[in-house]
N, C-alpha and C. Protein backbone atom coordinates (compact mmCIF):
# COMPACT_ATOMS: atom_id res chain seq x y z
N MET A 1 83.51 -23.96 -11.54
CA MET A 1 82.16 -23.88 -12.04
C MET A 1 81.37 -22.98 -11.09
N SER A 2 80.62 -22.07 -11.66
CA SER A 2 79.85 -21.14 -10.83
C SER A 2 78.43 -21.64 -10.64
N ALA A 3 77.85 -21.20 -9.57
CA ALA A 3 76.46 -21.58 -9.26
C ALA A 3 75.52 -20.83 -10.20
N PRO A 4 74.38 -21.44 -10.56
CA PRO A 4 73.44 -20.75 -11.43
C PRO A 4 72.88 -19.51 -10.73
N ALA A 5 72.73 -18.46 -11.48
CA ALA A 5 72.21 -17.21 -10.92
C ALA A 5 70.70 -17.30 -10.74
N ILE A 6 70.26 -16.80 -9.63
CA ILE A 6 68.82 -16.76 -9.36
C ILE A 6 68.28 -15.48 -9.98
N SER A 7 67.23 -15.64 -10.81
CA SER A 7 66.68 -14.43 -11.43
C SER A 7 66.00 -13.59 -10.36
N SER A 8 66.34 -12.33 -10.41
CA SER A 8 65.80 -11.42 -9.41
C SER A 8 64.75 -10.53 -10.07
N SER A 9 63.63 -10.39 -9.44
CA SER A 9 62.55 -9.56 -9.96
C SER A 9 62.68 -8.15 -9.42
N PRO A 10 62.34 -7.15 -10.24
CA PRO A 10 62.35 -5.78 -9.74
C PRO A 10 61.23 -5.50 -8.74
N ILE A 11 60.28 -6.41 -8.62
CA ILE A 11 59.23 -6.26 -7.62
C ILE A 11 59.85 -6.56 -6.26
N PRO A 12 59.75 -5.64 -5.32
CA PRO A 12 60.40 -5.86 -4.02
C PRO A 12 59.74 -7.00 -3.24
N SER A 13 60.48 -7.51 -2.28
CA SER A 13 59.93 -8.56 -1.43
C SER A 13 60.20 -8.23 0.02
N GLY A 14 59.55 -8.97 0.90
CA GLY A 14 59.72 -8.76 2.33
C GLY A 14 59.19 -7.42 2.78
N GLY A 15 59.91 -6.78 3.67
CA GLY A 15 59.49 -5.49 4.22
C GLY A 15 59.58 -4.36 3.21
N LYS A 16 60.36 -4.56 2.12
CA LYS A 16 60.48 -3.53 1.10
C LYS A 16 59.17 -3.31 0.32
N VAL A 17 58.26 -4.26 0.43
CA VAL A 17 56.96 -4.12 -0.24
C VAL A 17 56.22 -2.89 0.29
N CYS A 18 56.39 -2.61 1.56
CA CYS A 18 55.70 -1.48 2.17
C CYS A 18 56.42 -0.14 1.95
N THR A 19 57.56 -0.17 1.25
CA THR A 19 58.29 1.07 1.02
C THR A 19 58.40 1.47 -0.44
N SER A 20 58.03 0.58 -1.37
CA SER A 20 58.10 0.94 -2.79
C SER A 20 56.75 1.51 -3.23
N PHE A 21 56.81 2.51 -4.08
CA PHE A 21 55.59 3.25 -4.41
C PHE A 21 54.49 2.40 -5.06
N PRO A 22 54.77 1.61 -6.09
CA PRO A 22 53.64 0.86 -6.66
C PRO A 22 52.97 -0.08 -5.65
N GLU A 23 53.78 -0.68 -4.77
CA GLU A 23 53.19 -1.60 -3.79
C GLU A 23 52.47 -0.87 -2.67
N ILE A 24 52.85 0.36 -2.38
CA ILE A 24 52.08 1.15 -1.40
C ILE A 24 50.68 1.41 -1.94
N LEU A 25 50.57 1.56 -3.27
CA LEU A 25 49.25 1.74 -3.88
C LEU A 25 48.34 0.54 -3.61
N MET A 26 48.94 -0.65 -3.45
CA MET A 26 48.13 -1.83 -3.16
C MET A 26 47.37 -1.67 -1.84
N LEU A 27 47.95 -0.98 -0.90
CA LEU A 27 47.25 -0.74 0.36
C LEU A 27 46.02 0.13 0.13
N GLY A 28 46.16 1.16 -0.71
CA GLY A 28 45.02 2.00 -1.06
C GLY A 28 43.98 1.23 -1.85
N GLU A 29 44.43 0.36 -2.76
CA GLU A 29 43.51 -0.48 -3.53
C GLU A 29 42.72 -1.38 -2.58
N PHE A 30 43.43 -1.92 -1.62
CA PHE A 30 42.83 -2.79 -0.61
C PHE A 30 41.77 -2.03 0.20
N VAL A 31 42.11 -0.83 0.66
CA VAL A 31 41.19 -0.04 1.50
C VAL A 31 39.97 0.42 0.71
N PHE A 32 40.20 1.06 -0.44
CA PHE A 32 39.07 1.60 -1.20
C PHE A 32 38.22 0.50 -1.82
N GLY A 33 38.85 -0.60 -2.24
CA GLY A 33 38.08 -1.73 -2.73
C GLY A 33 37.22 -2.34 -1.64
N GLY A 34 37.76 -2.43 -0.44
CA GLY A 34 36.98 -2.94 0.70
C GLY A 34 35.83 -2.02 1.04
N LEU A 35 36.05 -0.70 0.95
CA LEU A 35 34.97 0.24 1.22
C LEU A 35 33.85 0.12 0.19
N VAL A 36 34.21 -0.06 -1.07
CA VAL A 36 33.17 -0.26 -2.10
C VAL A 36 32.37 -1.51 -1.77
N TRP A 37 33.05 -2.57 -1.42
CA TRP A 37 32.41 -3.84 -1.09
C TRP A 37 31.43 -3.64 0.08
N ILE A 38 31.88 -3.00 1.13
CA ILE A 38 31.05 -2.80 2.32
C ILE A 38 29.85 -1.91 2.02
N LEU A 39 30.08 -0.81 1.31
CA LEU A 39 28.99 0.13 1.03
C LEU A 39 27.93 -0.47 0.11
N VAL A 40 28.36 -1.19 -0.91
CA VAL A 40 27.39 -1.79 -1.82
C VAL A 40 26.62 -2.90 -1.11
N ALA A 41 27.27 -3.63 -0.25
CA ALA A 41 26.57 -4.69 0.49
C ALA A 41 25.55 -4.12 1.47
N SER A 42 25.76 -2.88 1.93
CA SER A 42 24.86 -2.31 2.92
C SER A 42 23.72 -1.51 2.31
N ALA A 43 23.72 -1.30 1.02
CA ALA A 43 22.69 -0.48 0.38
C ALA A 43 21.69 -1.34 -0.37
N ARG A 44 20.47 -0.85 -0.40
CA ARG A 44 19.47 -1.49 -1.25
C ARG A 44 19.63 -0.91 -2.65
N VAL A 45 19.54 -1.78 -3.63
CA VAL A 45 19.68 -1.32 -5.01
C VAL A 45 18.44 -1.70 -5.81
N GLU A 46 18.23 -0.96 -6.88
CA GLU A 46 17.08 -1.22 -7.74
C GLU A 46 17.32 -2.43 -8.64
N PHE A 47 18.57 -2.65 -9.01
CA PHE A 47 18.90 -3.70 -9.97
C PHE A 47 19.83 -4.72 -9.32
N ALA A 48 19.32 -5.90 -9.07
CA ALA A 48 20.10 -6.93 -8.38
C ALA A 48 21.30 -7.39 -9.22
N ALA A 49 21.14 -7.44 -10.54
CA ALA A 49 22.25 -7.87 -11.40
C ALA A 49 23.42 -6.89 -11.31
N ASP A 50 23.10 -5.60 -11.22
CA ASP A 50 24.16 -4.60 -11.07
C ASP A 50 24.90 -4.79 -9.76
N GLN A 51 24.15 -5.02 -8.69
CA GLN A 51 24.79 -5.22 -7.39
C GLN A 51 25.64 -6.49 -7.41
N GLY A 52 25.19 -7.51 -8.10
CA GLY A 52 25.96 -8.75 -8.20
C GLY A 52 27.31 -8.52 -8.88
N TRP A 53 27.30 -7.76 -9.99
CA TRP A 53 28.56 -7.49 -10.69
C TRP A 53 29.49 -6.63 -9.82
N VAL A 54 28.95 -5.62 -9.18
CA VAL A 54 29.75 -4.75 -8.33
C VAL A 54 30.35 -5.56 -7.18
N MET A 55 29.56 -6.42 -6.58
CA MET A 55 30.07 -7.24 -5.47
C MET A 55 31.14 -8.21 -5.97
N PHE A 56 30.90 -8.83 -7.14
CA PHE A 56 31.90 -9.76 -7.68
C PHE A 56 33.24 -9.06 -7.89
N VAL A 57 33.21 -7.92 -8.58
CA VAL A 57 34.45 -7.20 -8.88
C VAL A 57 35.14 -6.75 -7.60
N SER A 58 34.40 -6.17 -6.67
CA SER A 58 35.04 -5.65 -5.46
C SER A 58 35.61 -6.78 -4.60
N VAL A 59 34.90 -7.88 -4.47
CA VAL A 59 35.41 -9.01 -3.67
C VAL A 59 36.58 -9.68 -4.38
N PHE A 60 36.45 -9.90 -5.69
CA PHE A 60 37.53 -10.53 -6.47
C PHE A 60 38.82 -9.71 -6.37
N CYS A 61 38.72 -8.42 -6.62
CA CYS A 61 39.92 -7.57 -6.58
C CYS A 61 40.48 -7.45 -5.17
N PHE A 62 39.61 -7.41 -4.17
CA PHE A 62 40.04 -7.36 -2.78
C PHE A 62 40.86 -8.61 -2.44
N VAL A 63 40.35 -9.77 -2.81
CA VAL A 63 41.02 -11.04 -2.49
C VAL A 63 42.33 -11.17 -3.26
N ILE A 64 42.32 -10.87 -4.56
CA ILE A 64 43.53 -11.03 -5.36
C ILE A 64 44.60 -10.02 -4.95
N THR A 65 44.20 -8.78 -4.65
CA THR A 65 45.17 -7.79 -4.18
C THR A 65 45.80 -8.23 -2.87
N THR A 66 44.99 -8.76 -1.96
CA THR A 66 45.51 -9.26 -0.69
C THR A 66 46.46 -10.42 -0.93
N LEU A 67 46.09 -11.33 -1.82
CA LEU A 67 46.93 -12.48 -2.14
C LEU A 67 48.26 -12.03 -2.75
N LEU A 68 48.21 -11.10 -3.70
CA LEU A 68 49.45 -10.60 -4.31
C LEU A 68 50.34 -9.92 -3.28
N LEU A 69 49.74 -9.15 -2.40
CA LEU A 69 50.53 -8.47 -1.36
C LEU A 69 51.22 -9.49 -0.46
N ILE A 70 50.52 -10.54 -0.09
CA ILE A 70 51.11 -11.60 0.73
C ILE A 70 52.21 -12.33 -0.04
N LEU A 71 51.96 -12.66 -1.31
CA LEU A 71 52.96 -13.36 -2.11
C LEU A 71 54.20 -12.50 -2.34
N TYR A 72 54.00 -11.20 -2.60
CA TYR A 72 55.15 -10.32 -2.78
C TYR A 72 55.94 -10.19 -1.49
N THR A 73 55.26 -10.13 -0.37
CA THR A 73 55.96 -10.05 0.92
C THR A 73 56.75 -11.33 1.16
N ALA A 74 56.20 -12.48 0.75
CA ALA A 74 56.89 -13.75 0.93
C ALA A 74 58.05 -13.91 -0.04
N GLY A 75 58.08 -13.13 -1.12
CA GLY A 75 59.19 -13.17 -2.06
C GLY A 75 59.08 -14.20 -3.17
N VAL A 76 57.89 -14.67 -3.47
CA VAL A 76 57.75 -15.68 -4.53
C VAL A 76 58.03 -15.11 -5.92
N GLN A 77 57.95 -13.80 -6.09
CA GLN A 77 58.18 -13.21 -7.41
C GLN A 77 59.64 -13.26 -7.83
N ASN A 78 60.53 -13.55 -6.92
CA ASN A 78 61.95 -13.65 -7.26
C ASN A 78 62.28 -14.94 -8.00
N SER A 79 61.37 -15.91 -8.00
CA SER A 79 61.65 -17.19 -8.65
C SER A 79 61.35 -17.19 -10.14
N SER A 80 60.62 -16.18 -10.64
CA SER A 80 60.26 -16.16 -12.04
C SER A 80 60.06 -14.73 -12.52
N SER A 81 60.42 -14.49 -13.76
CA SER A 81 60.22 -13.15 -14.32
C SER A 81 58.79 -12.95 -14.81
N ALA A 82 57.99 -13.98 -14.82
CA ALA A 82 56.60 -13.88 -15.27
C ALA A 82 55.75 -13.04 -14.32
N TRP A 83 56.23 -12.82 -13.11
CA TRP A 83 55.45 -12.04 -12.14
C TRP A 83 55.26 -10.59 -12.59
N MET A 84 56.19 -10.07 -13.38
CA MET A 84 56.04 -8.71 -13.89
C MET A 84 54.82 -8.65 -14.81
N ALA A 85 54.67 -9.65 -15.67
CA ALA A 85 53.52 -9.69 -16.57
C ALA A 85 52.23 -9.88 -15.79
N VAL A 86 52.27 -10.71 -14.77
CA VAL A 86 51.09 -10.92 -13.93
C VAL A 86 50.69 -9.62 -13.25
N ASP A 87 51.66 -8.89 -12.74
CA ASP A 87 51.40 -7.63 -12.06
C ASP A 87 50.74 -6.62 -13.00
N VAL A 88 51.30 -6.46 -14.20
CA VAL A 88 50.75 -5.51 -15.18
C VAL A 88 49.35 -5.94 -15.60
N PHE A 89 49.20 -7.21 -15.97
CA PHE A 89 47.91 -7.72 -16.44
C PHE A 89 46.83 -7.57 -15.37
N TYR A 90 47.14 -7.97 -14.16
CA TYR A 90 46.14 -7.90 -13.09
C TYR A 90 45.70 -6.46 -12.82
N HIS A 91 46.63 -5.54 -12.76
CA HIS A 91 46.26 -4.17 -12.41
C HIS A 91 45.48 -3.48 -13.51
N PHE A 92 45.76 -3.80 -14.77
CA PHE A 92 44.96 -3.20 -15.83
C PHE A 92 43.57 -3.83 -15.94
N ILE A 93 43.49 -5.13 -15.74
CA ILE A 93 42.16 -5.78 -15.72
C ILE A 93 41.33 -5.24 -14.56
N SER A 94 41.94 -5.08 -13.41
CA SER A 94 41.24 -4.53 -12.25
C SER A 94 40.80 -3.09 -12.50
N ALA A 95 41.63 -2.31 -13.17
CA ALA A 95 41.25 -0.93 -13.49
C ALA A 95 40.03 -0.89 -14.41
N VAL A 96 40.00 -1.76 -15.40
CA VAL A 96 38.85 -1.83 -16.30
C VAL A 96 37.61 -2.30 -15.55
N PHE A 97 37.76 -3.32 -14.72
CA PHE A 97 36.62 -3.81 -13.93
C PHE A 97 36.09 -2.72 -13.01
N TYR A 98 37.00 -2.04 -12.32
CA TYR A 98 36.55 -0.99 -11.39
C TYR A 98 35.93 0.19 -12.12
N LEU A 99 36.43 0.51 -13.31
CA LEU A 99 35.80 1.56 -14.09
C LEU A 99 34.37 1.17 -14.46
N SER A 100 34.19 -0.09 -14.81
CA SER A 100 32.83 -0.55 -15.17
C SER A 100 31.89 -0.47 -13.97
N ILE A 101 32.37 -0.83 -12.78
CA ILE A 101 31.45 -0.76 -11.63
C ILE A 101 31.25 0.66 -11.14
N ALA A 102 32.24 1.53 -11.35
CA ALA A 102 32.07 2.93 -10.97
C ALA A 102 30.99 3.59 -11.82
N VAL A 103 31.04 3.32 -13.12
CA VAL A 103 30.01 3.86 -14.02
C VAL A 103 28.66 3.25 -13.71
N LEU A 104 28.62 1.96 -13.43
CA LEU A 104 27.37 1.28 -13.08
C LEU A 104 26.79 1.84 -11.78
N GLU A 105 27.63 2.06 -10.79
CA GLU A 105 27.17 2.64 -9.52
C GLU A 105 26.65 4.06 -9.72
N ALA A 106 27.32 4.83 -10.55
CA ALA A 106 26.86 6.19 -10.82
C ALA A 106 25.50 6.16 -11.50
N SER A 107 25.31 5.24 -12.41
CA SER A 107 24.02 5.10 -13.09
C SER A 107 22.92 4.67 -12.12
N ASP A 108 23.22 3.72 -11.27
CA ASP A 108 22.24 3.25 -10.29
C ASP A 108 21.92 4.32 -9.25
N THR A 109 22.89 5.15 -8.95
CA THR A 109 22.67 6.23 -7.98
C THR A 109 21.63 7.21 -8.48
N ARG A 110 21.60 7.40 -9.78
CA ARG A 110 20.59 8.29 -10.38
C ARG A 110 19.18 7.77 -10.10
N PHE A 111 18.99 6.47 -10.19
CA PHE A 111 17.67 5.89 -9.91
C PHE A 111 17.31 5.97 -8.44
N VAL A 112 18.31 5.86 -7.58
CA VAL A 112 18.06 6.00 -6.15
C VAL A 112 17.60 7.42 -5.84
N LEU A 113 18.18 8.40 -6.52
CA LEU A 113 17.78 9.79 -6.33
C LEU A 113 16.34 10.01 -6.80
N ILE A 114 16.00 9.39 -7.91
CA ILE A 114 14.62 9.52 -8.42
C ILE A 114 13.62 8.96 -7.42
N ASN A 115 13.97 7.86 -6.74
CA ASN A 115 13.08 7.24 -5.76
C ASN A 115 13.12 7.95 -4.41
N ARG A 116 13.95 8.97 -4.28
CA ARG A 116 14.04 9.82 -3.09
C ARG A 116 14.40 9.04 -1.80
N ASN A 117 15.29 8.09 -1.93
CA ASN A 117 15.77 7.35 -0.77
C ASN A 117 17.11 7.97 -0.37
N GLN A 118 17.07 8.91 0.57
CA GLN A 118 18.24 9.71 0.92
C GLN A 118 19.39 8.87 1.49
N LYS A 119 19.08 7.89 2.35
CA LYS A 119 20.12 7.07 2.96
C LYS A 119 20.87 6.26 1.90
N ASN A 120 20.14 5.57 1.04
CA ASN A 120 20.79 4.79 -0.01
C ASN A 120 21.50 5.68 -1.02
N PHE A 121 20.98 6.88 -1.22
CA PHE A 121 21.63 7.82 -2.13
C PHE A 121 23.02 8.17 -1.63
N ARG A 122 23.14 8.47 -0.36
CA ARG A 122 24.45 8.80 0.22
C ARG A 122 25.41 7.61 0.17
N ILE A 123 24.89 6.44 0.47
CA ILE A 123 25.73 5.23 0.42
C ILE A 123 26.21 4.99 -1.00
N ASN A 124 25.32 5.12 -1.98
CA ASN A 124 25.70 4.89 -3.38
C ASN A 124 26.67 5.95 -3.89
N ILE A 125 26.50 7.19 -3.46
CA ILE A 125 27.44 8.23 -3.84
C ILE A 125 28.83 7.89 -3.31
N ALA A 126 28.90 7.49 -2.05
CA ALA A 126 30.20 7.13 -1.46
C ALA A 126 30.81 5.93 -2.19
N ALA A 127 30.00 4.93 -2.49
CA ALA A 127 30.50 3.75 -3.21
C ALA A 127 31.00 4.14 -4.60
N THR A 128 30.31 5.05 -5.26
CA THR A 128 30.73 5.51 -6.59
C THR A 128 32.06 6.24 -6.52
N VAL A 129 32.19 7.15 -5.56
CA VAL A 129 33.44 7.90 -5.41
C VAL A 129 34.59 6.95 -5.09
N PHE A 130 34.39 6.03 -4.17
CA PHE A 130 35.45 5.09 -3.81
C PHE A 130 35.79 4.16 -4.97
N ALA A 131 34.81 3.80 -5.79
CA ALA A 131 35.08 2.96 -6.96
C ALA A 131 35.94 3.73 -7.97
N PHE A 132 35.67 5.03 -8.16
CA PHE A 132 36.51 5.83 -9.05
C PHE A 132 37.92 6.00 -8.48
N VAL A 133 38.04 6.15 -7.17
CA VAL A 133 39.37 6.25 -6.55
C VAL A 133 40.13 4.93 -6.74
N ALA A 134 39.45 3.81 -6.54
CA ALA A 134 40.10 2.51 -6.75
C ALA A 134 40.51 2.34 -8.21
N THR A 135 39.68 2.81 -9.14
CA THR A 135 40.03 2.76 -10.56
C THR A 135 41.32 3.54 -10.81
N LEU A 136 41.40 4.73 -10.24
CA LEU A 136 42.59 5.56 -10.41
C LEU A 136 43.82 4.87 -9.83
N LEU A 137 43.69 4.29 -8.64
CA LEU A 137 44.83 3.62 -8.01
C LEU A 137 45.31 2.42 -8.83
N TYR A 138 44.36 1.60 -9.32
CA TYR A 138 44.74 0.46 -10.14
C TYR A 138 45.38 0.90 -11.45
N THR A 139 44.89 1.99 -12.04
CA THR A 139 45.46 2.49 -13.29
C THR A 139 46.88 3.00 -13.07
N ILE A 140 47.08 3.79 -12.02
CA ILE A 140 48.43 4.29 -11.73
C ILE A 140 49.38 3.13 -11.45
N HIS A 141 48.91 2.15 -10.69
CA HIS A 141 49.76 1.00 -10.38
C HIS A 141 50.10 0.24 -11.67
N GLY A 142 49.12 0.08 -12.55
CA GLY A 142 49.38 -0.60 -13.82
C GLY A 142 50.41 0.13 -14.66
N ILE A 143 50.31 1.46 -14.74
CA ILE A 143 51.28 2.26 -15.51
C ILE A 143 52.68 2.14 -14.90
N LEU A 144 52.76 2.26 -13.58
CA LEU A 144 54.06 2.13 -12.92
C LEU A 144 54.64 0.72 -13.08
N SER A 145 53.77 -0.29 -13.12
CA SER A 145 54.24 -1.66 -13.33
C SER A 145 54.80 -1.84 -14.74
N ILE A 146 54.16 -1.20 -15.72
CA ILE A 146 54.68 -1.27 -17.09
C ILE A 146 56.05 -0.59 -17.16
N LEU A 147 56.16 0.58 -16.55
CA LEU A 147 57.44 1.29 -16.56
C LEU A 147 58.53 0.48 -15.88
N ARG A 148 58.18 -0.17 -14.78
CA ARG A 148 59.15 -1.01 -14.06
C ARG A 148 59.55 -2.22 -14.91
N TRP A 149 58.58 -2.79 -15.61
CA TRP A 149 58.83 -3.94 -16.47
C TRP A 149 59.75 -3.55 -17.64
N LYS A 150 59.47 -2.40 -18.25
CA LYS A 150 60.29 -1.96 -19.37
C LYS A 150 61.71 -1.61 -18.93
N SER A 151 61.86 -1.03 -17.75
CA SER A 151 63.19 -0.66 -17.29
C SER A 151 64.01 -1.88 -16.86
N SER A 152 63.34 -2.98 -16.53
CA SER A 152 64.06 -4.18 -16.09
C SER A 152 64.52 -5.02 -17.26
N SER A 153 63.95 -4.80 -18.45
CA SER A 153 64.35 -5.62 -19.60
C SER A 153 65.61 -5.13 -20.24
């Protein structure tokens, strides 16, 4: 009688997380998402509700990306094939969220320019650019996750 086979996930674990391309993108997502969080927290904004949404998305994605990176390094994705779906779903939801805050930041930056606050204008421009970069990283990661999921089936 043979031992039951352990399902293996195509998502790498351990030190291989830092060498596979989609997971390397998580480091960029972590960095640029953190920069958006820091820049938005340091700027005065005209619309508090907008800042609240931007802060929620950036903190939420920062925490979940960090948690996924830790879980992937620990190898928990090898115990279930559902992690592929979680990876795809999370990265596309994050891409949509980041796109929404990038557009919102760009819109709010226009009002900062009208009020002629040069310091906040520069901070908001940087936050907008970093939000668009994070959107791009999450989108690329989501596409690569779908391709990895399809090739593993």
